[in-house]
N, C-alpha and C. Protein backbone atom coordinates (compact mmCIF):
# COMPACT_ATOMS: atom_id res chain seq x y z
N MET A 1 -40.86 19.93 -70.64
CA MET A 1 -40.71 18.44 -71.33
C MET A 1 -39.59 17.79 -70.58
N SER A 2 -39.77 16.60 -69.82
CA SER A 2 -38.60 16.00 -69.24
C SER A 2 -38.17 14.86 -69.68
N MET A 3 -37.09 14.64 -69.19
CA MET A 3 -36.36 13.39 -69.73
C MET A 3 -35.99 12.27 -68.59
N THR A 4 -36.22 10.83 -68.71
CA THR A 4 -36.07 10.11 -68.06
C THR A 4 -34.88 9.29 -68.58
N VAL A 5 -33.98 9.11 -67.62
CA VAL A 5 -32.59 8.04 -68.00
C VAL A 5 -32.70 6.59 -67.00
N ASN A 6 -32.86 5.64 -68.03
CA ASN A 6 -33.16 4.01 -67.21
C ASN A 6 -31.49 3.74 -67.28
N ARG A 7 -31.50 3.14 -66.20
CA ARG A 7 -29.95 2.10 -65.93
C ARG A 7 -30.07 0.97 -67.35
N ILE A 8 -29.09 1.01 -67.62
CA ILE A 8 -28.51 -0.22 -68.59
C ILE A 8 -28.53 -1.80 -68.00
N GLY A 9 -27.65 -1.41 -66.91
CA GLY A 9 -27.38 -2.60 -66.02
C GLY A 9 -27.28 -2.36 -64.44
N HIS A 10 -26.78 -3.44 -64.02
CA HIS A 10 -26.75 -3.29 -62.37
C HIS A 10 -25.43 -2.70 -62.07
N VAL A 11 -25.22 -1.64 -61.36
CA VAL A 11 -24.14 -1.03 -61.11
C VAL A 11 -23.59 -0.82 -59.69
N GLU A 12 -22.33 -1.58 -59.68
CA GLU A 12 -21.98 -1.70 -57.86
C GLU A 12 -21.11 -0.70 -57.92
N PRO A 13 -21.42 0.05 -56.61
CA PRO A 13 -20.92 1.04 -56.09
C PRO A 13 -19.30 1.09 -55.83
N ILE A 14 -18.21 1.60 -55.85
CA ILE A 14 -17.17 1.55 -55.20
C ILE A 14 -17.07 1.60 -53.85
N PRO A 15 -16.30 0.91 -53.14
CA PRO A 15 -16.02 0.76 -51.86
C PRO A 15 -15.16 2.25 -51.41
N PRO A 16 -15.43 2.50 -50.07
CA PRO A 16 -14.86 4.05 -49.84
C PRO A 16 -12.94 3.24 -49.48
N GLY A 17 -12.30 4.17 -50.27
CA GLY A 17 -10.91 4.22 -50.00
C GLY A 17 -10.18 2.98 -50.93
N LYS A 18 -11.36 2.78 -52.16
CA LYS A 18 -10.73 1.67 -53.23
C LYS A 18 -10.63 2.27 -54.49
N ARG A 19 -9.91 2.32 -55.28
CA ARG A 19 -9.81 2.93 -56.53
C ARG A 19 -9.78 1.55 -57.54
N PRO A 20 -10.60 1.80 -58.88
CA PRO A 20 -10.36 0.74 -59.67
C PRO A 20 -9.05 0.40 -59.81
N GLY A 21 -8.42 -0.59 -60.71
CA GLY A 21 -7.34 -1.37 -61.02
C GLY A 21 -6.08 -0.77 -59.98
N ARG A 22 -6.50 -0.67 -58.63
CA ARG A 22 -5.58 -0.34 -57.81
C ARG A 22 -4.97 -1.40 -56.96
N ASN A 23 -4.19 -2.30 -56.41
CA ASN A 23 -4.08 -3.50 -56.15
C ASN A 23 -2.95 -3.85 -55.18
N GLU A 24 -2.26 -2.40 -54.97
CA GLU A 24 -1.02 -2.67 -53.37
C GLU A 24 -1.88 -2.08 -52.42
N GLN A 25 -0.98 -2.23 -51.27
CA GLN A 25 -1.81 -2.13 -50.13
C GLN A 25 -1.06 -0.25 -49.95
N VAL A 26 -1.91 0.37 -48.94
CA VAL A 26 -1.04 1.84 -48.72
C VAL A 26 -0.43 1.78 -47.48
N GLY A 27 0.67 2.13 -47.14
CA GLY A 27 1.63 2.25 -45.87
C GLY A 27 1.84 0.71 -45.74
N GLY A 28 2.23 -0.20 -46.32
CA GLY A 28 2.51 -1.57 -46.04
C GLY A 28 3.76 -1.52 -45.62
N ASP A 29 5.00 -0.86 -46.20
CA ASP A 29 6.34 -1.29 -45.98
C ASP A 29 6.78 -0.10 -44.74
N ASN A 30 6.20 0.72 -44.45
CA ASN A 30 6.67 1.92 -43.52
C ASN A 30 8.00 2.74 -44.09
N LYS A 31 8.34 2.69 -44.97
CA LYS A 31 9.76 3.07 -45.54
C LYS A 31 9.64 4.72 -45.49
N ALA A 32 10.44 5.48 -45.23
CA ALA A 32 10.58 6.70 -45.27
C ALA A 32 10.99 7.31 -46.33
N ASP A 33 10.48 8.43 -46.88
CA ASP A 33 10.66 9.07 -48.22
C ASP A 33 12.10 9.71 -47.96
N THR A 34 12.98 10.00 -48.74
CA THR A 34 14.39 10.62 -48.97
C THR A 34 14.37 11.41 -50.09
N ILE A 35 15.40 12.33 -50.01
CA ILE A 35 15.73 13.19 -51.03
C ILE A 35 17.22 13.45 -51.24
N ASN A 36 17.97 13.22 -51.95
CA ASN A 36 19.17 13.27 -52.37
C ASN A 36 19.54 14.38 -53.31
N LEU A 37 20.38 15.28 -53.22
CA LEU A 37 20.37 16.43 -53.65
C LEU A 37 21.85 16.53 -54.29
N SER A 38 22.21 16.63 -55.56
CA SER A 38 23.32 16.74 -55.92
C SER A 38 24.38 18.03 -55.71
N ALA A 39 25.55 17.96 -55.40
CA ALA A 39 26.55 18.97 -55.12
C ALA A 39 26.35 20.27 -55.71
N ASP A 40 25.88 20.14 -57.34
CA ASP A 40 25.58 21.10 -57.96
C ASP A 40 24.27 21.85 -57.75
N ALA A 41 23.25 21.11 -57.24
CA ALA A 41 22.38 21.83 -56.82
C ALA A 41 22.15 22.25 -55.47
N MET A 42 22.84 21.83 -54.37
CA MET A 42 23.58 22.34 -53.18
C MET A 42 23.95 23.69 -53.56
N GLU A 43 24.88 24.10 -54.30
CA GLU A 43 25.68 25.12 -54.72
C GLU A 43 24.88 26.00 -55.53
N LYS A 44 23.89 25.75 -56.07
CA LYS A 44 23.08 26.82 -56.70
C LYS A 44 21.81 27.22 -55.89
N ALA A 45 21.78 26.72 -54.64
CA ALA A 45 20.73 26.93 -53.80
C ALA A 45 21.76 27.85 -52.92
N GLU A 46 22.82 27.78 -52.58
CA GLU A 46 23.43 28.53 -51.83
C GLU A 46 23.71 30.00 -52.27
N LYS A 47 23.68 29.79 -53.76
CA LYS A 47 24.38 30.83 -54.55
C LYS A 47 22.73 32.18 -54.75
N TYR A 48 21.67 31.08 -54.64
CA TYR A 48 20.34 31.68 -54.90
C TYR A 48 20.05 32.51 -53.45
N GLN A 49 20.32 31.78 -52.39
CA GLN A 49 20.07 32.25 -51.23
C GLN A 49 21.07 33.78 -50.96
N VAL A 50 22.23 33.62 -51.25
CA VAL A 50 23.29 35.21 -51.43
C VAL A 50 22.82 35.94 -52.23
N ILE A 51 22.11 35.92 -53.36
CA ILE A 51 21.74 36.82 -54.34
C ILE A 51 20.20 37.41 -53.45
N GLU A 52 19.49 36.51 -53.00
CA GLU A 52 18.21 36.93 -52.08
C GLU A 52 18.51 37.79 -51.05
N LEU A 53 19.57 37.47 -50.53
CA LEU A 53 19.92 38.44 -49.24
C LEU A 53 20.58 39.71 -49.91
N ILE A 54 21.70 39.79 -50.67
CA ILE A 54 21.92 40.56 -51.54
C ILE A 54 21.11 42.01 -51.76
N GLN A 55 20.13 41.24 -52.60
CA GLN A 55 18.71 42.09 -53.04
C GLN A 55 18.03 42.65 -52.00
N SER A 56 17.82 42.03 -50.93
CA SER A 56 17.29 42.72 -49.97
C SER A 56 17.40 43.67 -49.22
N ALA A 57 18.95 43.54 -49.14
CA ALA A 57 19.74 44.42 -48.21
C ALA A 57 19.57 46.30 -48.74
N PRO A 58 19.62 47.20 -48.06
CA PRO A 58 19.13 48.23 -48.48
C PRO A 58 20.12 48.90 -49.14
N ASP A 59 19.91 49.95 -50.00
CA ASP A 59 21.04 50.39 -51.04
C ASP A 59 22.03 51.48 -49.98
N MET A 60 23.10 51.68 -50.69
CA MET A 60 24.27 52.16 -49.84
C MET A 60 23.92 53.69 -50.22
N ASP A 61 24.54 54.64 -49.03
CA ASP A 61 24.28 55.73 -48.88
C ASP A 61 25.73 56.37 -49.20
N ASP A 62 26.12 56.95 -50.45
CA ASP A 62 27.65 57.21 -50.46
C ASP A 62 28.21 58.94 -49.47
N ALA A 63 27.04 59.33 -49.55
CA ALA A 63 27.18 60.46 -48.79
C ALA A 63 27.65 60.21 -47.32
N ARG A 64 26.56 58.95 -46.76
CA ARG A 64 27.00 58.45 -45.12
C ARG A 64 28.14 57.65 -45.35
N ILE A 65 28.58 57.13 -46.29
CA ILE A 65 29.77 56.39 -46.00
C ILE A 65 30.90 57.38 -46.43
N ALA A 66 31.21 58.21 -47.01
CA ALA A 66 31.79 59.22 -46.94
C ALA A 66 31.90 59.73 -45.64
N GLU A 67 31.10 60.24 -45.05
CA GLU A 67 30.78 61.04 -43.38
C GLU A 67 31.68 60.03 -42.43
N LEU A 68 31.07 58.66 -42.38
CA LEU A 68 31.74 57.92 -41.55
C LEU A 68 33.33 57.43 -41.97
N ARG A 69 33.62 57.55 -42.88
CA ARG A 69 34.80 57.63 -43.33
C ARG A 69 35.86 58.57 -42.52
N GLN A 70 35.30 59.43 -42.63
CA GLN A 70 36.06 61.30 -42.57
C GLN A 70 36.29 60.96 -40.77
N LYS A 71 35.00 60.42 -40.25
CA LYS A 71 34.85 60.32 -38.82
C LYS A 71 36.35 59.35 -38.39
N ILE A 72 36.15 58.20 -38.71
CA ILE A 72 36.83 56.92 -38.73
C ILE A 72 38.24 57.57 -38.67
N ASP A 73 38.77 58.54 -39.94
CA ASP A 73 40.10 58.96 -40.14
C ASP A 73 40.47 60.09 -39.07
N ASP A 74 39.62 60.71 -38.28
CA ASP A 74 39.99 61.78 -37.39
C ASP A 74 39.97 61.04 -36.24
N PRO A 75 41.62 61.17 -35.55
CA PRO A 75 41.82 60.25 -34.46
C PRO A 75 41.11 60.81 -33.04
N ALA A 76 40.51 62.05 -33.03
CA ALA A 76 40.04 62.30 -31.92
C ALA A 76 38.42 61.66 -31.83
N TYR A 77 38.12 61.08 -32.95
CA TYR A 77 36.53 60.58 -33.09
C TYR A 77 36.68 58.94 -32.27
N LEU A 78 37.68 58.23 -32.66
CA LEU A 78 37.96 56.91 -31.82
C LEU A 78 38.20 56.80 -30.48
N ASN A 79 37.44 56.86 -29.82
CA ASN A 79 37.44 57.10 -28.16
C ASN A 79 36.99 55.80 -27.61
N ASP A 80 36.99 55.53 -26.15
CA ASP A 80 36.48 54.53 -25.74
C ASP A 80 34.85 54.27 -25.85
N LYS A 81 34.16 55.44 -25.72
CA LYS A 81 32.96 55.69 -25.69
C LYS A 81 32.36 55.24 -27.09
N VAL A 82 33.03 55.86 -28.09
CA VAL A 82 32.34 55.30 -29.37
C VAL A 82 32.38 53.93 -29.57
N ILE A 83 33.72 53.43 -29.28
CA ILE A 83 33.96 52.02 -29.79
C ILE A 83 33.06 51.24 -28.76
N ASN A 84 33.07 51.41 -27.59
CA ASN A 84 31.93 50.54 -26.73
C ASN A 84 30.71 51.12 -27.14
N ALA A 85 29.88 51.77 -27.37
CA ALA A 85 28.62 51.94 -28.35
C ALA A 85 28.74 51.29 -29.66
N THR A 86 29.57 51.00 -30.41
CA THR A 86 29.80 50.54 -31.52
C THR A 86 29.63 48.84 -31.10
N ALA A 87 30.51 48.51 -30.09
CA ALA A 87 30.70 47.01 -30.13
C ALA A 87 29.25 46.52 -29.39
N GLU A 88 28.48 47.56 -28.73
CA GLU A 88 27.01 47.32 -27.88
C GLU A 88 26.32 47.31 -29.12
N LYS A 89 26.07 47.88 -30.25
CA LYS A 89 25.23 47.89 -31.14
C LYS A 89 25.43 46.52 -31.84
N ILE A 90 26.48 46.30 -32.20
CA ILE A 90 27.07 45.04 -33.03
C ILE A 90 26.36 43.73 -31.91
N LEU A 91 26.59 43.70 -30.91
CA LEU A 91 26.30 42.74 -30.15
C LEU A 91 24.77 42.27 -29.99
N ASN A 92 24.10 43.41 -30.08
CA ASN A 92 22.76 43.68 -30.04
C ASN A 92 22.13 43.25 -31.27
N ALA A 93 22.67 43.49 -32.49
CA ALA A 93 22.54 42.73 -33.74
C ALA A 93 22.35 41.25 -33.94
N TRP A 94 23.52 40.51 -33.25
CA TRP A 94 23.91 39.12 -33.25
C TRP A 94 22.86 38.53 -32.32
N PHE A 95 22.42 39.12 -31.14
CA PHE A 95 22.01 38.61 -30.33
C PHE A 95 20.09 39.15 -30.22
N ALA A 96 19.77 40.05 -31.33
CA ALA A 96 18.49 40.42 -30.88
C ALA A 96 17.50 39.43 -31.58
């Protein structure tokens, strides 16, 4: 069994780029879009970034911190070699 649908009347196709009921020109005034954020929104965004940074940081190792504190308290540990190596690591972390 087959079914045939006949047209009721003449139908004009819609030209490309044209939508029914749309009268304004596209891109006519060349104004740039802008977004203005409130001070509250900026503060919330900064807080969100800090929270994300804290959550992505590795967990603290209490045993390692105690070991480092003990080394720093030892006057023989803080010598030029250790200070220079530490400074080098800090610089490498900043400029890497």
